[in-house]
PDB file of N, CA and C in Angstrom:
ATOM      1  N   MET A   1       7.358   4.986  13.508  1.00  0.00           N
ATOM      2  CA  MET A   1       6.369   5.200  12.769  1.00  0.00           C
ATOM      3  C   MET A   1       5.572   3.840  12.369  1.00  0.00           C
ATOM      4  N   LYS A   2       4.323   3.449  12.327  1.00  0.00           N
ATOM      5  CA  LYS A   2       3.932   2.220  11.698  1.00  0.00           C
ATOM      6  C   LYS A   2       3.540   2.705  10.309  1.00  0.00           C
ATOM      7  N   ILE A   3       4.063   1.911   9.784  1.00  0.00           N
ATOM      8  CA  ILE A   3       3.753   1.666   8.477  1.00  0.00           C
ATOM      9  C   ILE A   3       3.343   0.717   7.786  1.00  0.00           C
ATOM     10  N   PHE A   4       2.084   1.014   6.933  1.00  0.00           N
ATOM     11  CA  PHE A   4       1.859  -0.162   6.178  1.00  0.00           C
ATOM     12  C   PHE A   4       1.669  -0.116   4.636  1.00  0.00           C
ATOM     13  N   LEU A   5       2.398  -0.903   4.161  1.00  0.00           N
ATOM     14  CA  LEU A   5       2.587  -1.210   2.504  1.00  0.00           C
ATOM     15  C   LEU A   5       1.734  -1.802   1.961  1.00  0.00           C
ATOM     16  N   ILE A   6       0.978  -0.771   1.074  1.00  0.00           N
ATOM     17  CA  ILE A   6       0.003  -1.458  -0.082  1.00  0.00           C
ATOM     18  C   ILE A   6       0.913  -1.975  -1.216  1.00  0.00           C
ATOM     19  N   CYS A   7       0.789  -2.785  -1.721  1.00  0.00           N
ATOM     20  CA  CYS A   7       1.456  -3.389  -2.678  1.00  0.00           C
ATOM     21  C   CYS A   7       1.054  -4.593  -3.019  1.00  0.00           C
ATOM     22  N   PRO A   8       1.213  -5.089  -4.828  1.00  0.00           N
ATOM     23  CA  PRO A   8       1.015  -6.680  -4.660  1.00  0.00           C
ATOM     24  C   PRO A   8       1.445  -7.475  -4.487  1.00  0.00           C
ATOM     25  N   VAL A   9       0.846  -8.677  -4.487  1.00  0.00           N
ATOM     26  CA  VAL A   9       1.288  -9.835  -3.494  1.00  0.00           C
ATOM     27  C   VAL A   9       1.456 -10.857  -4.675  1.00  0.00           C
ATOM     28  N   ARG A  10       0.397 -11.305  -5.291  1.00  0.00           N
ATOM     29  CA  ARG A  10       0.326 -12.575  -5.902  1.00  0.00           C
ATOM     30  C   ARG A  10       0.747 -12.071  -7.491  1.00  0.00           C
ATOM     31  N   ILE A  11       0.324 -11.084  -8.005  1.00  0.00           N
ATOM     32  CA  ILE A  11       0.731 -10.963  -9.266  1.00  0.00           C
ATOM     33  C   ILE A  11       2.431 -10.021  -9.310  1.00  0.00           C
ATOM     34  N   ALA A  12       2.894  -9.646  -7.922  1.00  0.00           N
ATOM     35  CA  ALA A  12       4.419  -9.060  -8.236  1.00  0.00           C
ATOM     36  C   ALA A  12       5.509  -9.954  -8.853  1.00  0.00           C
ATOM     37  N   THR A  13       5.677  -9.145  -9.505  1.00  0.00           N
ATOM     38  CA  THR A  13       6.994  -9.606 -10.408  1.00  0.00           C
ATOM     39  C   THR A  13       8.188 -10.102  -9.628  1.00  0.00           C
ATOM     40  N   ASP A  14       8.625 -10.236 -10.214  1.00  0.00           N
ATOM     41  CA  ASP A  14      10.411 -10.821  -9.356  1.00  0.00           C
ATOM     42  C   ASP A  14      11.199  -9.508  -9.387  1.00  0.00           C
ATOM     43  N   LYS A  15      11.301  -8.764 -10.411  1.00  0.00           N
ATOM     44  CA  LYS A  15      11.500  -7.161 -10.430  1.00  0.00           C
ATOM     45  C   LYS A  15      10.861  -6.448  -9.268  1.00  0.00           C
ATOM     46  N   GLU A  16       9.567  -6.698  -8.903  1.00  0.00           N
ATOM     47  CA  GLU A  16       8.685  -5.831  -8.337  1.00  0.00           C
ATOM     48  C   GLU A  16       9.063  -6.260  -6.743  1.00  0.00           C
ATOM     49  N   LYS A  17       9.438  -7.818  -6.689  1.00  0.00           N
ATOM     50  CA  LYS A  17       9.762  -8.236  -5.129  1.00  0.00           C
ATOM     51  C   LYS A  17      10.850  -7.592  -4.797  1.00  0.00           C
ATOM     52  N   ILE A  18      11.870  -7.682  -5.546  1.00  0.00           N
ATOM     53  CA  ILE A  18      12.910  -7.037  -5.187  1.00  0.00           C
ATOM     54  C   ILE A  18      13.013  -5.680  -4.866  1.00  0.00           C
ATOM     55  N   LYS A  19      12.542  -4.886  -5.615  1.00  0.00           N
ATOM     56  CA  LYS A  19      12.143  -3.772  -5.170  1.00  0.00           C
ATOM     57  C   LYS A  19      11.305  -3.270  -4.000  1.00  0.00           C
ATOM     58  N   LEU A  20      10.399  -3.836  -3.589  1.00  0.00           N
ATOM     59  CA  LEU A  20       9.804  -4.072  -2.298  1.00  0.00           C
ATOM     60  C   LEU A  20      10.667  -4.654  -1.013  1.00  0.00           C
ATOM     61  N   LEU A  21      11.392  -5.387  -1.513  1.00  0.00           N
ATOM     62  CA  LEU A  21      12.099  -6.085  -0.086  1.00  0.00           C
ATOM     63  C   LEU A  21      13.407  -4.544   0.117  1.00  0.00           C
ATOM     64  N   ASP A  22      13.778  -4.146  -0.764  1.00  0.00           N
ATOM     65  CA  ASP A  22      14.703  -3.208  -0.755  1.00  0.00           C
ATOM     66  C   ASP A  22      13.844  -1.646  -0.275  1.00  0.00           C
ATOM     67  N   TYR A  23      12.536  -1.814  -0.044  1.00  0.00           N
ATOM     68  CA  TYR A  23      12.073  -0.682  -0.261  1.00  0.00           C
ATOM     69  C   TYR A  23      11.832  -0.575   1.517  1.00  0.00           C
ATOM     70  N   VAL A  24      11.134  -1.990   2.120  1.00  0.00           N
ATOM     71  CA  VAL A  24      10.801  -2.257   3.133  1.00  0.00           C
ATOM     72  C   VAL A  24      12.304  -2.360   4.070  1.00  0.00           C
ATOM     73  N   ALA A  25      13.153  -2.776   3.635  1.00  0.00           N
ATOM     74  CA  ALA A  25      14.795  -2.730   4.321  1.00  0.00           C
ATOM     75  C   ALA A  25      15.269  -1.221   4.883  1.00  0.00           C
ATOM     76  N   MET A  26      14.864  -0.627   3.580  1.00  0.00           N
ATOM     77  CA  MET A  26      15.130   0.716   3.679  1.00  0.00           C
ATOM     78  C   MET A  26      14.720   1.834   5.000  1.00  0.00           C
ATOM     79  N   LEU A  27      12.976   1.260   5.232  1.00  0.00           N
ATOM     80  CA  LEU A  27      12.008   1.721   6.171  1.00  0.00           C
ATOM     81  C   LEU A  27      12.068   1.395   7.270  1.00  0.00           C
ATOM     82  N   GLU A  28      12.871   0.031   7.898  1.00  0.00           N
ATOM     83  CA  GLU A  28      13.126  -0.353   8.757  1.00  0.00           C
ATOM     84  C   GLU A  28      14.432  -0.017   9.350  1.00  0.00           C
ATOM     85  N   THR A  29      15.274   0.160   8.535  1.00  0.00           N
ATOM     86  CA  THR A  29      16.693   0.592   8.934  1.00  0.00           C
ATOM     87  C   THR A  29      16.465   2.191   9.578  1.00  0.00           C
ATOM     88  N   GLU A  30      15.589   2.640   8.945  1.00  0.00           N
ATOM     89  CA  GLU A  30      15.113   4.275   9.312  1.00  0.00           C
ATOM     90  C   GLU A  30      14.274   4.137  10.782  1.00  0.00           C
ATOM     91  N   GLY A  31      14.057   2.889  11.266  1.00  0.00           N
ATOM     92  CA  GLY A  31      13.957   2.696  12.367  1.00  0.00           C
ATOM     93  C   GLY A  31      12.222   2.644  12.174  1.00  0.00           C
ATOM     94  N   ASN A  32      11.765   2.348  11.476  1.00  0.00           N
ATOM     95  CA  ASN A  32      10.016   2.392  11.363  1.00  0.00           C
ATOM     96  C   ASN A  32       9.742   0.840  11.251  1.00  0.00           C
ATOM     97  N   SER A  33       8.214   0.688  11.956  1.00  0.00           N
ATOM     98  CA  SER A  33       7.637  -0.657  11.732  1.00  0.00           C
ATOM     99  C   SER A  33       6.874  -0.787  10.761  1.00  0.00           C
ATOM    100  N   VAL A  34       7.226  -1.792   9.879  1.00  0.00           N
ATOM    101  CA  VAL A  34       6.530  -2.213   8.615  1.00  0.00           C
ATOM    102  C   VAL A  34       5.866  -3.058   8.367  1.00  0.00           C
ATOM    103  N   TYR A  35       4.334  -3.006   8.178  1.00  0.00           N
ATOM    104  CA  TYR A  35       3.531  -4.146   7.668  1.00  0.00           C
ATOM    105  C   TYR A  35       3.522  -4.521   6.329  1.00  0.00           C
ATOM    106  N   TYR A  36       4.411  -5.766   5.731  1.00  0.00           N
ATOM    107  CA  TYR A  36       4.470  -5.966   4.503  1.00  0.00           C
ATOM    108  C   TYR A  36       3.630  -6.964   4.189  1.00  0.00           C
ATOM    109  N   PRO A  37       2.783  -6.850   3.481  1.00  0.00           N
ATOM    110  CA  PRO A  37       1.346  -8.268   3.528  1.00  0.00           C
ATOM    111  C   PRO A  37       2.028  -9.423   3.021  1.00  0.00           C
ATOM    112  N   ALA A  38       3.139  -9.103   1.902  1.00  0.00           N
ATOM    113  CA  ALA A  38       3.621 -10.783   1.802  1.00  0.00           C
ATOM    114  C   ALA A  38       4.125 -11.280   2.830  1.00  0.00           C
ATOM    115  N   ARG A  39       4.784 -10.454   3.686  1.00  0.00           N
ATOM    116  CA  ARG A  39       5.468 -11.317   4.677  1.00  0.00           C
ATOM    117  C   ARG A  39       4.435 -11.433   6.084  1.00  0.00           C
ATOM    118  N   ASP A  40       3.773 -10.451   6.017  1.00  0.00           N
ATOM    119  CA  ASP A  40       3.147 -10.647   7.378  1.00  0.00           C
ATOM    120  C   ASP A  40       1.819 -10.492   7.396  1.00  0.00           C
ATOM    121  N   THR A  41       1.331 -10.758   6.293  1.00  0.00           N
ATOM    122  CA  THR A  41      -0.418 -11.493   6.480  1.00  0.00           C
ATOM    123  C   THR A  41      -0.176 -12.782   5.704  1.00  0.00           C
ATOM    124  N   CYS A  42      -0.857 -13.765   6.242  1.00  0.00           N
ATOM    125  CA  CYS A  42      -0.927 -15.160   6.088  1.00  0.00           C
ATOM    126  C   CYS A  42      -1.499 -14.946   4.843  1.00  0.00           C
ATOM    127  N   GLN A  43      -1.069 -15.854   3.669  1.00  0.00           N
ATOM    128  CA  GLN A  43      -1.642 -15.638   2.515  1.00  0.00           C
ATOM    129  C   GLN A  43      -2.257 -17.160   2.029  1.00  0.00           C
ATOM    130  N   VAL A  44      -2.499 -17.958   2.906  1.00  0.00           N
ATOM    131  CA  VAL A  44      -3.316 -19.282   2.829  1.00  0.00           C
ATOM    132  C   VAL A  44      -4.558 -18.388   3.596  1.00  0.00           C
ATOM    133  N   ASP A  45      -5.646 -18.569   2.685  1.00  0.00           N
ATOM    134  CA  ASP A  45      -7.159 -18.155   3.253  1.00  0.00           C
ATOM    135  C   ASP A  45      -8.167 -19.033   2.403  1.00  0.00           C
ATOM    136  N   LYS A  46      -8.448 -19.830   3.563  1.00  0.00           N
ATOM    137  CA  LYS A  46      -9.789 -20.877   2.844  1.00  0.00           C
ATOM    138  C   LYS A  46     -11.104 -19.902   3.252  1.00  0.00           C
ATOM    139  N   THR A  47     -11.240 -18.603   3.109  1.00  0.00           N
ATOM    140  CA  THR A  47     -12.506 -17.964   2.752  1.00  0.00           C
ATOM    141  C   THR A  47     -12.483 -17.528   1.500  1.00  0.00           C
ATOM    142  N   GLY A  48     -11.699 -17.521   0.670  1.00  0.00           N
ATOM    143  CA  GLY A  48     -11.750 -17.060  -0.448  1.00  0.00           C
ATOM    144  C   GLY A  48     -10.743 -15.586  -0.671  1.00  0.00           C
ATOM    145  N   GLY A  49     -10.179 -15.101   0.535  1.00  0.00           N
ATOM    146  CA  GLY A  49      -9.223 -13.630   0.550  1.00  0.00           C
ATOM    147  C   GLY A  49     -10.184 -13.060   1.889  1.00  0.00           C
ATOM    148  N   PHE A  50     -11.316 -13.175   2.504  1.00  0.00           N
ATOM    149  CA  PHE A  50     -11.824 -12.326   3.176  1.00  0.00           C
ATOM    150  C   PHE A  50     -11.009 -12.492   4.058  1.00  0.00           C
ATOM    151  N   GLN A  51     -10.155 -13.535   5.039  1.00  0.00           N
ATOM    152  CA  GLN A  51      -9.179 -13.032   6.142  1.00  0.00           C
ATOM    153  C   GLN A  51      -8.175 -12.381   6.006  1.00  0.00           C
ATOM    154  N   ILE A  52      -7.716 -12.406   4.438  1.00  0.00           N
ATOM    155  CA  ILE A  52      -6.510 -11.408   4.495  1.00  0.00           C
ATOM    156  C   ILE A  52      -6.732 -10.077   4.102  1.00  0.00           C
ATOM    157  N   CYS A  53      -8.121  -9.592   3.535  1.00  0.00           N
ATOM    158  CA  CYS A  53      -8.791  -8.534   3.743  1.00  0.00           C
ATOM    159  C   CYS A  53      -9.174  -7.890   4.985  1.00  0.00           C
ATOM    160  N   PHE A  54      -9.418  -8.918   6.157  1.00  0.00           N
ATOM    161  CA  PHE A  54      -9.633  -8.780   7.636  1.00  0.00           C
ATOM    162  C   PHE A  54      -8.255  -8.483   8.065  1.00  0.00           C
ATOM    163  N   ASP A  55      -7.480  -9.169   8.042  1.00  0.00           N
ATOM    164  CA  ASP A  55      -6.381  -8.935   8.832  1.00  0.00           C
ATOM    165  C   ASP A  55      -5.567  -7.276   7.934  1.00  0.00           C
ATOM    166  N   ASN A  56      -5.584  -7.247   6.815  1.00  0.00           N
ATOM    167  CA  ASN A  56      -5.236  -6.096   6.191  1.00  0.00           C
ATOM    168  C   ASN A  56      -5.438  -4.766   6.840  1.00  0.00           C
ATOM    169  N   ARG A  57      -7.134  -4.991   6.878  1.00  0.00           N
ATOM    170  CA  ARG A  57      -7.797  -3.986   7.581  1.00  0.00           C
ATOM    171  C   ARG A  57      -7.403  -3.387   9.094  1.00  0.00           C
ATOM    172  N   LYS A  58      -7.164  -4.680   9.868  1.00  0.00           N
ATOM    173  CA  LYS A  58      -6.481  -3.961  11.157  1.00  0.00           C
ATOM    174  C   LYS A  58      -5.072  -3.379  11.145  1.00  0.00           C
ATOM    175  N   ALA A  59      -4.295  -4.185  10.216  1.00  0.00           N
ATOM    176  CA  ALA A  59      -2.996  -3.407  10.133  1.00  0.00           C
ATOM    177  C   ALA A  59      -3.053  -1.668   9.259  1.00  0.00           C
ATOM    178  N   ILE A  60      -4.027  -1.825   8.627  1.00  0.00           N
ATOM    179  CA  ILE A  60      -4.503  -0.467   8.046  1.00  0.00           C
ATOM    180  C   ILE A  60      -4.779   0.238   9.227  1.00  0.00           C
ATOM    181  N   THR A  61      -5.863  -0.286   9.768  1.00  0.00           N
ATOM    182  CA  THR A  61      -6.216   0.789  11.050  1.00  0.00           C
ATOM    183  C   THR A  61      -5.298   1.200  11.987  1.00  0.00           C
ATOM    184  N   GLU A  62      -4.194   0.371  12.608  1.00  0.00           N
ATOM    185  CA  GLU A  62      -3.148   0.580  13.556  1.00  0.00           C
ATOM    186  C   GLU A  62      -1.841   1.512  13.166  1.00  0.00           C
ATOM    187  N   ALA A  63      -1.879   1.614  11.528  1.00  0.00           N
ATOM    188  CA  ALA A  63      -0.550   2.338  11.080  1.00  0.00           C
ATOM    189  C   ALA A  63      -0.666   3.811  11.305  1.00  0.00           C
ATOM    190  N   ASP A  64       0.283   4.435  11.276  1.00  0.00           N
ATOM    191  CA  ASP A  64       0.399   5.662  11.200  1.00  0.00           C
ATOM    192  C   ASP A  64       0.144   6.738   9.394  1.00  0.00           C
ATOM    193  N   GLU A  65       0.705   5.457   9.163  1.00  0.00           N
ATOM    194  CA  GLU A  65       0.977   6.090   7.483  1.00  0.00           C
ATOM    195  C   GLU A  65       0.919   4.999   6.284  1.00  0.00           C
ATOM    196  N   ILE A  66       0.421   5.087   5.162  1.00  0.00           N
ATOM    197  CA  ILE A  66       0.056   4.240   4.303  1.00  0.00           C
ATOM    198  C   ILE A  66       1.259   4.627   3.005  1.00  0.00           C
ATOM    199  N   HIS A  67       1.955   3.472   2.735  1.00  0.00           N
ATOM    200  CA  HIS A  67       2.810   3.815   1.631  1.00  0.00           C
ATOM    201  C   HIS A  67       2.361   2.617   0.372  1.00  0.00           C
ATOM    202  N   VAL A  68       2.430   3.337  -0.715  1.00  0.00           N
ATOM    203  CA  VAL A  68       1.717   2.333  -1.519  1.00  0.00           C
ATOM    204  C   VAL A  68       2.631   2.270  -2.757  1.00  0.00           C
ATOM    205  N   PHE A  69       2.990   1.117  -3.211  1.00  0.00           N
ATOM    206  CA  PHE A  69       3.927   0.492  -4.382  1.00  0.00           C
ATOM    207  C   PHE A  69       2.624   0.499  -5.507  1.00  0.00           C
ATOM    208  N   TRP A  70       2.742   1.233  -6.497  1.00  0.00           N
ATOM    209  CA  TRP A  70       1.470   1.425  -7.199  1.00  0.00           C
ATOM    210  C   TRP A  70       2.070   0.554  -8.627  1.00  0.00           C
ATOM    211  N   SER A  71       0.600  -0.563  -8.924  1.00  0.00           N
ATOM    212  CA  SER A  71       0.678  -1.340  -9.715  1.00  0.00           C
ATOM    213  C   SER A  71      -0.853  -1.647 -10.038  1.00  0.00           C
ATOM    214  N   PRO A  72      -1.123  -0.848 -11.462  1.00  0.00           N
ATOM    215  CA  PRO A  72      -2.569  -0.667 -11.637  1.00  0.00           C
ATOM    216  C   PRO A  72      -3.403  -1.971 -11.929  1.00  0.00           C
ATOM    217  N   GLU A  73      -2.545  -3.102 -12.208  1.00  0.00           N
ATOM    218  CA  GLU A  73      -3.094  -4.450 -12.148  1.00  0.00           C
ATOM    219  C   GLU A  73      -3.581  -5.374 -11.190  1.00  0.00           C
ATOM    220  N   SER A  74      -3.340  -4.617  -9.822  1.00  0.00           N
ATOM    221  CA  SER A  74      -3.281  -5.223  -8.311  1.00  0.00           C
ATOM    222  C   SER A  74      -4.874  -4.778  -7.904  1.00  0.00           C
ATOM    223  N   ARG A  75      -5.796  -5.876  -8.110  1.00  0.00           N
ATOM    224  CA  ARG A  75      -7.173  -5.660  -7.295  1.00  0.00           C
ATOM    225  C   ARG A  75      -6.826  -5.437  -5.791  1.00  0.00           C
ATOM    226  N   GLY A  76      -6.108  -5.854  -5.323  1.00  0.00           N
ATOM    227  CA  GLY A  76      -5.811  -5.968  -3.852  1.00  0.00           C
ATOM    228  C   GLY A  76      -5.095  -4.604  -3.552  1.00  0.00           C
ATOM    229  N   THR A  77      -4.549  -3.994  -4.201  1.00  0.00           N
ATOM    230  CA  THR A  77      -3.846  -2.662  -4.228  1.00  0.00           C
ATOM    231  C   THR A  77      -5.182  -1.795  -3.994  1.00  0.00           C
ATOM    232  N   LEU A  78      -6.177  -1.746  -4.994  1.00  0.00           N
ATOM    233  CA  LEU A  78      -7.211  -0.748  -5.004  1.00  0.00           C
ATOM    234  C   LEU A  78      -8.331  -1.097  -3.642  1.00  0.00           C
ATOM    235  N   PHE A  79      -8.307  -2.169  -3.423  1.00  0.00           N
ATOM    236  CA  PHE A  79      -8.989  -2.414  -2.256  1.00  0.00           C
ATOM    237  C   PHE A  79      -8.747  -1.991  -1.094  1.00  0.00           C
ATOM    238  N   ASP A  80      -7.440  -2.405  -0.605  1.00  0.00           N
ATOM    239  CA  ASP A  80      -6.482  -1.566   0.305  1.00  0.00           C
ATOM    240  C   ASP A  80      -6.507  -0.230   0.482  1.00  0.00           C
ATOM    241  N   LEU A  81      -6.465   0.067  -0.536  1.00  0.00           N
ATOM    242  CA  LEU A  81      -6.381   1.579  -0.895  1.00  0.00           C
ATOM    243  C   LEU A  81      -7.639   2.423  -0.607  1.00  0.00           C
ATOM    244  N   GLY A  82      -8.796   1.819  -0.547  1.00  0.00           N
ATOM    245  CA  GLY A  82     -10.082   2.076  -0.502  1.00  0.00           C
ATOM    246  C   GLY A  82     -10.237   1.880   0.874  1.00  0.00           C
ATOM    247  N   MET A  83     -10.005   1.129   1.770  1.00  0.00           N
ATOM    248  CA  MET A  83      -9.770   1.426   3.096  1.00  0.00           C
ATOM    249  C   MET A  83      -9.016   2.100   3.601  1.00  0.00           C
ATOM    250  N   ALA A  84      -8.248   2.337   2.974  1.00  0.00           N
ATOM    251  CA  ALA A  84      -6.778   3.736   3.735  1.00  0.00           C
ATOM    252  C   ALA A  84      -7.422   4.924   3.436  1.00  0.00           C
ATOM    253  N   PHE A  85      -8.236   5.108   2.243  1.00  0.00           N
ATOM    254  CA  PHE A  85      -9.173   6.240   2.384  1.00  0.00           C
ATOM    255  C   PHE A  85      -9.912   6.331   3.275  1.00  0.00           C
ATOM    256  N   ALA A  86     -10.681   5.456   3.422  1.00  0.00           N
ATOM    257  CA  ALA A  86     -12.013   5.787   4.310  1.00  0.00           C
ATOM    258  C   ALA A  86     -11.434   5.774   5.558  1.00  0.00           C
ATOM    259  N   LEU A  87     -10.422   5.572   6.100  1.00  0.00           N
ATOM    260  CA  LEU A  87      -9.817   5.659   7.220  1.00  0.00           C
ATOM    261  C   LEU A  87      -9.086   6.981   7.188  1.00  0.00           C
ATOM    262  N   ARG A  88      -8.967   7.708   6.069  1.00  0.00           N
ATOM    263  CA  ARG A  88      -8.157   8.852   6.204  1.00  0.00           C
ATOM    264  C   ARG A  88      -6.930   8.820   6.671  1.00  0.00           C
ATOM    265  N   LYS A  89      -5.985   7.737   6.156  1.00  0.00           N
ATOM    266  CA  LYS A  89      -5.044   7.667   6.341  1.00  0.00           C
ATOM    267  C   LYS A  89      -4.038   9.017   5.321  1.00  0.00           C
ATOM    268  N   PRO A  90      -2.785   9.218   6.214  1.00  0.00           N
ATOM    269  CA  PRO A  90      -1.656   9.741   4.907  1.00  0.00           C
ATOM    270  C   PRO A  90      -1.484   8.778   4.051  1.00  0.00           C
ATOM    271  N   LEU A  91      -0.922   9.322   2.784  1.00  0.00           N
ATOM    272  CA  LEU A  91      -0.369   8.484   1.893  1.00  0.00           C
ATOM    273  C   LEU A  91       0.973   8.803   1.161  1.00  0.00           C
ATOM    274  N   VAL A  92       2.026   7.922   1.096  1.00  0.00           N
ATOM    275  CA  VAL A  92       3.001   8.054   0.156  1.00  0.00           C
ATOM    276  C   VAL A  92       3.140   7.029  -0.958  1.00  0.00           C
ATOM    277  N   LEU A  93       3.830   7.494  -2.050  1.00  0.00           N
ATOM    278  CA  LEU A  93       4.193   6.736  -3.006  1.00  0.00           C
ATOM    279  C   LEU A  93       5.354   6.119  -2.615  1.00  0.00           C
ATOM    280  N   ALA A  94       5.525   4.738  -2.776  1.00  0.00           N
ATOM    281  CA  ALA A  94       6.713   4.139  -2.661  1.00  0.00           C
ATOM    282  C   ALA A  94       7.701   3.952  -4.143  1.00  0.00           C
ATOM    283  N   ASN A  95       6.869   4.048  -5.031  1.00  0.00           N
ATOM    284  CA  ASN A  95       7.326   4.241  -6.374  1.00  0.00           C
ATOM    285  C   ASN A  95       6.911   5.316  -7.614  1.00  0.00           C
ATOM    286  N   PRO A  96       7.176   6.456  -7.012  1.00  0.00           N
ATOM    287  CA  PRO A  96       6.789   7.500  -7.912  1.00  0.00           C
ATOM    288  C   PRO A  96       7.782   7.639  -8.955  1.00  0.00           C
ATOM    289  N   GLU A  97       8.692   6.848  -9.386  1.00  0.00           N
ATOM    290  CA  GLU A  97       9.421   6.778 -10.749  1.00  0.00           C
ATOM    291  C   GLU A  97       8.497   5.750 -11.429  1.00  0.00           C
ATOM    292  N   ASP A  98       7.880   5.331 -11.074  1.00  0.00           N
ATOM    293  CA  ASP A  98       7.087   4.435 -11.918  1.00  0.00           C
ATOM    294  C   ASP A  98       5.621   4.869 -12.439  1.00  0.00           C
ATOM    295  N   ILE A  99       5.129   5.815 -11.755  1.00  0.00           N
ATOM    296  CA  ILE A  99       4.099   6.446 -12.182  1.00  0.00           C
ATOM    297  C   ILE A  99       3.834   7.541 -13.100  1.00  0.00           C
ATOM    298  N   ILE A 100       3.105   7.579 -14.019  1.00  0.00           N
ATOM    299  CA  ILE A 100       2.862   8.432 -14.813  1.00  0.00           C
ATOM    300  C   ILE A 100       1.463   8.903 -15.067  1.00  0.00           C
ATOM    301  N   PRO A 101       1.621  10.410 -14.549  1.00  0.00           N
ATOM    302  CA  PRO A 101       0.004  10.922 -14.368  1.00  0.00           C
ATOM    303  C   PRO A 101      -0.378  10.580 -15.776  1.00  0.00           C
ATOM    304  N   GLU A 102      -2.248  10.527 -15.873  1.00  0.00           N
ATOM    305  CA  GLU A 102      -2.597  10.189 -16.946  1.00  0.00           C
ATOM    306  C   GLU A 102      -3.786  11.442 -17.630  1.00  0.00           C
ATOM    307  N   GLU A 103      -4.077  11.619 -18.314  1.00  0.00           N
ATOM    308  CA  GLU A 103      -4.795  12.688 -18.613  1.00  0.00           C
ATOM    309  C   GLU A 103      -6.312  12.755 -18.087  1.00  0.00           C
ATOM    310  N   GLY A 104      -6.830  13.691 -17.523  1.00  0.00           N
ATOM    311  CA  GLY A 104      -8.360  13.872 -16.881  1.00  0.00           C
ATOM    312  C   GLY A 104      -8.191  12.989 -15.770  1.00  0.00           C
ATOM    313  N   LYS A 105      -9.471  12.764 -15.621  1.00  0.00           N
ATOM    314  CA  LYS A 105      -9.917  11.938 -13.946  1.00  0.00           C
ATOM    315  C   LYS A 105      -9.389  10.368 -14.198  1.00  0.00           C
ATOM    316  N   SER A 106      -8.647   9.908 -13.341  1.00  0.00           N
ATOM    317  CA  SER A 106      -8.317   8.583 -13.060  1.00  0.00           C
ATOM    318  C   SER A 106      -8.126   8.130 -11.566  1.00  0.00           C
ATOM    319  N   PHE A 107      -7.970   7.004 -11.209  1.00  0.00           N
ATOM    320  CA  PHE A 107      -7.814   6.288 -10.132  1.00  0.00           C
ATOM    321  C   PHE A 107      -6.510   6.704  -9.782  1.00  0.00           C
ATOM    322  N   LEU A 108      -5.320   6.707 -10.860  1.00  0.00           N
ATOM    323  CA  LEU A 108      -3.950   6.966 -10.435  1.00  0.00           C
ATOM    324  C   LEU A 108      -3.886   8.552 -10.279  1.00  0.00           C
ATOM    325  N   ASN A 109      -4.510   9.490 -11.065  1.00  0.00           N
ATOM    326  CA  ASN A 109      -4.360  10.761 -10.339  1.00  0.00           C
ATOM    327  C   ASN A 109      -4.699  11.334  -9.075  1.00  0.00           C
ATOM    328  N   MET A 110      -5.793  10.298  -8.855  1.00  0.00           N
ATOM    329  CA  MET A 110      -6.517  10.615  -7.611  1.00  0.00           C
ATOM    330  C   MET A 110      -5.571  10.194  -6.503  1.00  0.00           C
ATOM    331  N   VAL A 111      -4.730   9.011  -6.564  1.00  0.00           N
ATOM    332  CA  VAL A 111      -3.814   8.559  -5.545  1.00  0.00           C
ATOM    333  C   VAL A 111      -2.518   9.676  -5.548  1.00  0.00           C
ATOM    334  N   CYS A 112      -2.399   9.971  -6.487  1.00  0.00           N
ATOM    335  CA  CYS A 112      -1.393  11.095  -6.855  1.00  0.00           C
ATOM    336  C   CYS A 112      -1.487  12.293  -5.986  1.00  0.00           C
ATOM    337  N   TYR A 113      -2.652  12.851  -6.292  1.00  0.00           N
ATOM    338  CA  TYR A 113      -3.200  14.060  -5.329  1.00  0.00           C
ATOM    339  C   TYR A 113      -3.273  13.784  -3.895  1.00  0.00           C
ATOM    340  N   TRP A 114      -3.821  12.657  -3.420  1.00  0.00           N
ATOM    341  CA  TRP A 114      -4.014  12.106  -2.076  1.00  0.00           C
ATOM    342  C   TRP A 114      -2.445  11.979  -1.814  1.00  0.00           C
ATOM    343  N   SER A 115      -1.521  12.065  -2.344  1.00  0.00           N
ATOM    344  CA  SER A 115      -0.382  11.693  -1.730  1.00  0.00           C
ATOM    345  C   SER A 115       0.503  13.029  -1.268  1.00  0.00           C
ATOM    346  N   PHE A 116       0.111  14.397  -1.629  1.00  0.00           N
ATOM    347  CA  PHE A 116       0.147  15.614  -1.647  1.00  0.00           C
ATOM    348  C   PHE A 116      -0.272  16.060  -0.558  1.00  0.00           C
ATOM    349  N   LEU A 117      -1.765  15.565  -0.178  1.00  0.00           N
ATOM    350  CA  LEU A 117      -2.139  16.504   1.174  1.00  0.00           C
ATOM    351  C   LEU A 117      -1.838  15.982   2.437  1.00  0.00           C
ATOM    352  N   GLU A 118      -1.912  17.360   3.097  1.00  0.00           N
ATOM    353  CA  GLU A 118      -1.321  17.136   4.655  1.00  0.00           C
ATOM    354  C   GLU A 118      -2.599  16.552   5.404  1.00  0.00           C
ATOM    355  N   GLU A 119      -2.274  15.879   6.485  1.00  0.00           N
ATOM    356  CA  GLU A 119      -3.107  15.125   7.121  1.00  0.00           C
ATOM    357  C   GLU A 119      -4.221  15.810   7.708  1.00  0.00           C
ATOM    358  N   GLU A 120      -4.350  16.986   7.779  1.00  0.00           N
ATOM    359  CA  GLU A 120      -5.707  17.751   8.348  1.00  0.00           C
ATOM    360  C   GLU A 120      -6.407  18.163   7.209  1.00  0.00           C
ATOM    361  N   ASP A 121      -5.868  17.809   5.961  1.00  0.00           N
ATOM    362  CA  ASP A 121      -6.688  18.146   5.192  1.00  0.00           C
ATOM    363  C   ASP A 121      -7.542  16.611   4.429  1.00  0.00           C
ATOM    364  N   LEU A 122      -7.320  15.412   4.896  1.00  0.00           N
ATOM    365  CA  LEU A 122      -7.823  14.203   4.906  1.00  0.00           C
ATOM    366  C   LEU A 122      -9.413  14.228   5.425  1.00  0.00           C
TER     367      LEU A 122
END
């Protein structure tokens, strides 16, 4: 399966980077092809980030499934989630142990709900 991992890149803490690398290794050990932006998207971008978004869009389009390592501070995560949502991609939460649902309507609650949907409901 081709998986795109949405996650923080520039603002990822050392602890998050270790968790992300372990998660990618686990998925790849299971035989999946994982697109990990910190590794697979060139982060040197003279266009102010446009090329990064363009490259990620291509990889998200080609992915069978999207996994998200939720970090509410990551603007790139929100941007990539928007693309994945528009493309009706199935979503898996990569770090559910770190997620605490909020009261009422919120982006986090929407992402949690999305992760439970079947592909035909997207």
